[in-house]
Amino acid sequence: MADISAQERAERVRDVMWQADEASRWLGMSCEHIAPGAATVSMKLEAHHCNGHKTCHGGMSYALADSAFALACNSYNQIAVAQHNSMTYTAPAFEGDVLTAHAVERSRAGRSGIYDVRITNQKGDLIAEFRGGSRVIRGQHFEGADT
């Protein structure tokens, strides 16, 4: 198993994490893409994702960004957790919109990483930007593959 490619490792991590991530699945998210240090997760907004203004609740788009961030920073088969993050909302999203979070690694050194996540709607409009800092802790998602 030590000879698997970096892409195969990322895909295996995605499979393990997504199976255990009941929150993301319950919210209706799906992982569209995974690669070392990158992930794309999408979600169609339903009425229960919206707030009293009839726009996407900020916590829902935050959860979407956080799920993409989590997959990207864990894609090396090292357990990574959020150390800090922030979100900037740039436009509202509405029921029926499909939001897509694209997470990209900006820096990875030692046990720390920085990841940017852009959330867009189905028209490509920017809805929000998220920046997350990760910290690798002890453990792996699966045994038998070098990290």
C-alpha atoms as a PDB file:
ATOM      1  CA  MET A   1       0.000   0.000   0.000  1.00  0.00           C
ATOM      2  CA  ALA A   2       2.969   2.325   0.490  1.00  0.00           C
ATOM      3  CA  ASP A   3       3.220   2.688  -3.294  1.00  0.00           C
ATOM      4  CA  ILE A   4      -0.121   4.415  -3.858  1.00  0.00           C
ATOM      5  CA  SER A   5      -0.041   7.766  -5.620  1.00  0.00           C
ATOM      6  CA  ALA A   6      -0.736  11.065  -3.887  1.00  0.00           C
ATOM      7  CA  GLN A   7      -4.049  11.258  -5.775  1.00  0.00           C
ATOM      8  CA  GLU A   8      -5.044   7.739  -4.701  1.00  0.00           C
ATOM      9  CA  ARG A   9      -4.152   8.659  -1.104  1.00  0.00           C
ATOM     10  CA  ALA A  10      -6.346  11.763  -1.263  1.00  0.00           C
ATOM     11  CA  GLU A  11      -9.242   9.752  -2.701  1.00  0.00           C
ATOM     12  CA  ARG A  12      -8.936   7.141   0.022  1.00  0.00           C
ATOM     13  CA  VAL A  13      -8.898   9.850   2.703  1.00  0.00           C
ATOM     14  CA  ARG A  14     -12.013  11.386   1.122  1.00  0.00           C
ATOM     15  CA  ASP A  15     -13.789   8.038   1.222  1.00  0.00           C
ATOM     16  CA  VAL A  16     -12.919   7.447   4.883  1.00  0.00           C
ATOM     17  CA  MET A  17     -13.753  10.983   5.998  1.00  0.00           C
ATOM     18  CA  TRP A  18     -16.956  11.342   3.972  1.00  0.00           C
ATOM     19  CA  GLN A  19     -18.321   8.056   5.292  1.00  0.00           C
ATOM     20  CA  ALA A  20     -17.869   9.345   8.862  1.00  0.00           C
ATOM     21  CA  ASP A  21     -19.043  12.939   8.168  1.00  0.00           C
ATOM     22  CA  GLU A  22     -22.723  12.683   8.971  1.00  0.00           C
ATOM     23  CA  ALA A  23     -23.088  16.457   9.365  1.00  0.00           C
ATOM     24  CA  SER A  24     -21.987  17.299   5.810  1.00  0.00           C
ATOM     25  CA  ARG A  25     -24.103  14.531   4.317  1.00  0.00           C
ATOM     26  CA  TRP A  26     -27.119  15.518   6.461  1.00  0.00           C
ATOM     27  CA  LEU A  27     -26.849  19.089   5.162  1.00  0.00           C
ATOM     28  CA  GLY A  28     -26.970  17.746   1.591  1.00  0.00           C
ATOM     29  CA  MET A  29     -23.344  18.298   0.608  1.00  0.00           C
ATOM     30  CA  SER A  30     -21.437  16.209  -1.896  1.00  0.00           C
ATOM     31  CA  CYS A  31     -17.725  16.023  -2.579  1.00  0.00           C
ATOM     32  CA  GLU A  32     -17.171  16.765  -6.261  1.00  0.00           C
ATOM     33  CA  HIS A  33     -13.370  16.626  -6.368  1.00  0.00           C
ATOM     34  CA  ILE A  34     -10.384  15.781  -4.210  1.00  0.00           C
ATOM     35  CA  ALA A  35      -6.662  16.135  -4.854  1.00  0.00           C
ATOM     36  CA  PRO A  36      -3.641  16.582  -2.614  1.00  0.00           C
ATOM     37  CA  GLY A  37      -4.255  19.915  -0.864  1.00  0.00           C
ATOM     38  CA  ALA A  38      -7.498  20.660  -2.698  1.00  0.00           C
ATOM     39  CA  ALA A  39     -11.183  19.775  -2.570  1.00  0.00           C
ATOM     40  CA  THR A  40     -14.488  20.850  -4.071  1.00  0.00           C
ATOM     41  CA  VAL A  41     -17.760  20.385  -2.187  1.00  0.00           C
ATOM     42  CA  SER A  42     -21.214  21.484  -3.320  1.00  0.00           C
ATOM     43  CA  MET A  43     -24.687  21.857  -1.842  1.00  0.00           C
ATOM     44  CA  LYS A  44     -28.094  22.816  -3.245  1.00  0.00           C
ATOM     45  CA  LEU A  45     -29.779  25.326  -0.974  1.00  0.00           C
ATOM     46  CA  GLU A  46     -33.128  24.182   0.357  1.00  0.00           C
ATOM     47  CA  ALA A  47     -35.636  26.148   2.472  1.00  0.00           C
ATOM     48  CA  HIS A  48     -34.134  24.749   5.678  1.00  0.00           C
ATOM     49  CA  HIS A  49     -30.744  26.283   4.767  1.00  0.00           C
ATOM     50  CA  CYS A  50     -32.241  29.792   4.697  1.00  0.00           C
ATOM     51  CA  ASN A  51     -32.613  32.411   7.424  1.00  0.00           C
ATOM     52  CA  GLY A  52     -35.362  34.927   8.213  1.00  0.00           C
ATOM     53  CA  HIS A  53     -34.246  37.117   5.291  1.00  0.00           C
ATOM     54  CA  LYS A  54     -34.884  34.182   2.909  1.00  0.00           C
ATOM     55  CA  THR A  55     -31.167  34.028   2.118  1.00  0.00           C
ATOM     56  CA  CYS A  56     -28.659  31.318   2.883  1.00  0.00           C
ATOM     57  CA  HIS A  57     -27.915  31.219   6.602  1.00  0.00           C
ATOM     58  CA  GLY A  58     -24.283  32.191   7.151  1.00  0.00           C
ATOM     59  CA  GLY A  59     -23.694  29.030   9.148  1.00  0.00           C
ATOM     60  CA  MET A  60     -24.680  26.890   6.166  1.00  0.00           C
ATOM     61  CA  SER A  61     -22.193  28.486   3.780  1.00  0.00           C
ATOM     62  CA  TYR A  62     -19.607  28.406   6.570  1.00  0.00           C
ATOM     63  CA  ALA A  63     -20.225  24.675   7.045  1.00  0.00           C
ATOM     64  CA  LEU A  64     -19.810  24.152   3.286  1.00  0.00           C
ATOM     65  CA  ALA A  65     -16.465  25.979   3.277  1.00  0.00           C
ATOM     66  CA  ASP A  66     -15.341  24.141   6.404  1.00  0.00           C
ATOM     67  CA  SER A  67     -16.101  20.752   4.835  1.00  0.00           C
ATOM     68  CA  ALA A  68     -14.044  21.571   1.726  1.00  0.00           C
ATOM     69  CA  PHE A  69     -11.235  22.902   3.942  1.00  0.00           C
ATOM     70  CA  ALA A  70     -11.293  19.725   6.051  1.00  0.00           C
ATOM     71  CA  LEU A  71     -10.993  17.450   3.031  1.00  0.00           C
ATOM     72  CA  ALA A  72      -8.182  19.519   1.513  1.00  0.00           C
ATOM     73  CA  CYS A  73      -6.040  19.708   4.642  1.00  0.00           C
ATOM     74  CA  ASN A  74      -6.551  16.020   5.494  1.00  0.00           C
ATOM     75  CA  SER A  75      -5.805  14.789   1.963  1.00  0.00           C
ATOM     76  CA  TYR A  76      -2.266  13.710   2.885  1.00  0.00           C
ATOM     77  CA  ASN A  77      -3.520  11.000   5.291  1.00  0.00           C
ATOM     78  CA  GLN A  78      -2.419  12.958   8.331  1.00  0.00           C
ATOM     79  CA  ILE A  79      -5.138  13.963  10.799  1.00  0.00           C
ATOM     80  CA  ALA A  80      -5.481  17.746  10.517  1.00  0.00           C
ATOM     81  CA  VAL A  81      -7.842  19.981  12.459  1.00  0.00           C
ATOM     82  CA  ALA A  82      -8.793  23.641  12.179  1.00  0.00           C
ATOM     83  CA  GLN A  83      -6.541  25.930  14.154  1.00  0.00           C
ATOM     84  CA  HIS A  84      -8.284  29.160  13.110  1.00  0.00           C
ATOM     85  CA  ASN A  85     -10.413  30.414  10.261  1.00  0.00           C
ATOM     86  CA  SER A  86     -12.423  33.364   9.032  1.00  0.00           C
ATOM     87  CA  MET A  87     -15.194  33.964   6.525  1.00  0.00           C
ATOM     88  CA  THR A  88     -16.063  37.015   4.459  1.00  0.00           C
ATOM     89  CA  TYR A  89     -19.526  37.113   2.888  1.00  0.00           C
ATOM     90  CA  THR A  90     -19.696  39.009  -0.401  1.00  0.00           C
ATOM     91  CA  ALA A  91     -23.198  38.306  -1.781  1.00  0.00           C
ATOM     92  CA  PRO A  92     -26.374  36.548  -0.698  1.00  0.00           C
ATOM     93  CA  ALA A  93     -27.409  33.117  -1.904  1.00  0.00           C
ATOM     94  CA  PHE A  94     -30.993  31.940  -2.188  1.00  0.00           C
ATOM     95  CA  GLU A  95     -33.099  28.807  -2.024  1.00  0.00           C
ATOM     96  CA  GLY A  96     -32.496  26.794  -5.190  1.00  0.00           C
ATOM     97  CA  ASP A  97     -28.951  28.044  -5.667  1.00  0.00           C
ATOM     98  CA  VAL A  98     -26.186  25.468  -5.893  1.00  0.00           C
ATOM     99  CA  LEU A  99     -23.186  26.583  -3.877  1.00  0.00           C
ATOM    100  CA  THR A 100     -19.750  25.186  -4.609  1.00  0.00           C
ATOM    101  CA  ALA A 101     -16.771  25.536  -2.278  1.00  0.00           C
ATOM    102  CA  HIS A 102     -13.336  25.247  -3.916  1.00  0.00           C
ATOM    103  CA  ALA A 103     -10.568  24.729  -1.334  1.00  0.00           C
ATOM    104  CA  VAL A 104      -6.929  25.286  -2.316  1.00  0.00           C
ATOM    105  CA  GLU A 105      -3.796  24.886  -0.252  1.00  0.00           C
ATOM    106  CA  ARG A 106      -1.709  28.052  -0.058  1.00  0.00           C
ATOM    107  CA  SER A 107       0.993  26.906   2.346  1.00  0.00           C
ATOM    108  CA  ARG A 108       1.951  23.699   4.132  1.00  0.00           C
ATOM    109  CA  ALA A 109       4.997  23.588   6.364  1.00  0.00           C
ATOM    110  CA  GLY A 110       5.665  21.325   9.310  1.00  0.00           C
ATOM    111  CA  ARG A 111       2.373  20.786  11.098  1.00  0.00           C
ATOM    112  CA  SER A 112       0.640  23.961   9.835  1.00  0.00           C
ATOM    113  CA  GLY A 113      -1.247  24.756   6.651  1.00  0.00           C
ATOM    114  CA  ILE A 114      -3.155  27.655   5.140  1.00  0.00           C
ATOM    115  CA  TYR A 115      -6.121  27.043   2.838  1.00  0.00           C
ATOM    116  CA  ASP A 116      -8.357  29.409   0.883  1.00  0.00           C
ATOM    117  CA  VAL A 117     -11.915  28.445   0.021  1.00  0.00           C
ATOM    118  CA  ARG A 118     -14.032  30.332  -2.516  1.00  0.00           C
ATOM    119  CA  ILE A 119     -17.781  29.743  -2.509  1.00  0.00           C
ATOM    120  CA  THR A 120     -19.598  30.475  -5.747  1.00  0.00           C
ATOM    121  CA  ASN A 121     -23.141  29.906  -6.959  1.00  0.00           C
ATOM    122  CA  GLN A 122     -24.205  28.083 -10.115  1.00  0.00           C
ATOM    123  CA  LYS A 123     -23.616  31.250 -12.177  1.00  0.00           C
ATOM    124  CA  GLY A 124     -20.045  31.593 -10.887  1.00  0.00           C
ATOM    125  CA  ASP A 125     -20.873  34.590  -8.676  1.00  0.00           C
ATOM    126  CA  LEU A 126     -18.676  34.883  -5.603  1.00  0.00           C
ATOM    127  CA  ILE A 127     -20.744  34.339  -2.442  1.00  0.00           C
ATOM    128  CA  ALA A 128     -18.036  34.121   0.213  1.00  0.00           C
ATOM    129  CA  GLU A 129     -14.350  33.580   0.892  1.00  0.00           C
ATOM    130  CA  PHE A 130     -12.951  31.524   3.756  1.00  0.00           C
ATOM    131  CA  ARG A 131      -9.382  31.242   4.978  1.00  0.00           C
ATOM    132  CA  GLY A 132      -8.473  28.397   7.271  1.00  0.00           C
ATOM    133  CA  GLY A 133      -5.383  27.456   9.172  1.00  0.00           C
ATOM    134  CA  SER A 134      -4.860  23.765   9.874  1.00  0.00           C
ATOM    135  CA  ARG A 135      -2.761  21.909  12.401  1.00  0.00           C
ATOM    136  CA  VAL A 136      -1.672  18.292  11.978  1.00  0.00           C
ATOM    137  CA  ILE A 137      -2.164  16.167  15.066  1.00  0.00           C
ATOM    138  CA  ARG A 138      -1.288  12.551  15.793  1.00  0.00           C
ATOM    139  CA  GLY A 139      -2.814   9.830  13.625  1.00  0.00           C
ATOM    140  CA  GLN A 140      -3.793   8.801  10.124  1.00  0.00           C
ATOM    141  CA  HIS A 141      -7.105   8.153   8.426  1.00  0.00           C
ATOM    142  CA  PHE A 142      -5.973   4.743   7.253  1.00  0.00           C
ATOM    143  CA  GLU A 143      -2.944   2.564   7.849  1.00  0.00           C
ATOM    144  CA  GLY A 144      -0.393   1.325   5.379  1.00  0.00           C
ATOM    145  CA  ALA A 145       0.368   4.357   3.222  1.00  0.00           C
ATOM    146  CA  ASP A 146       3.299   6.694   3.617  1.00  0.00           C
ATOM    147  CA  THR A 147       2.355  10.313   4.182  1.00  0.00           C
END
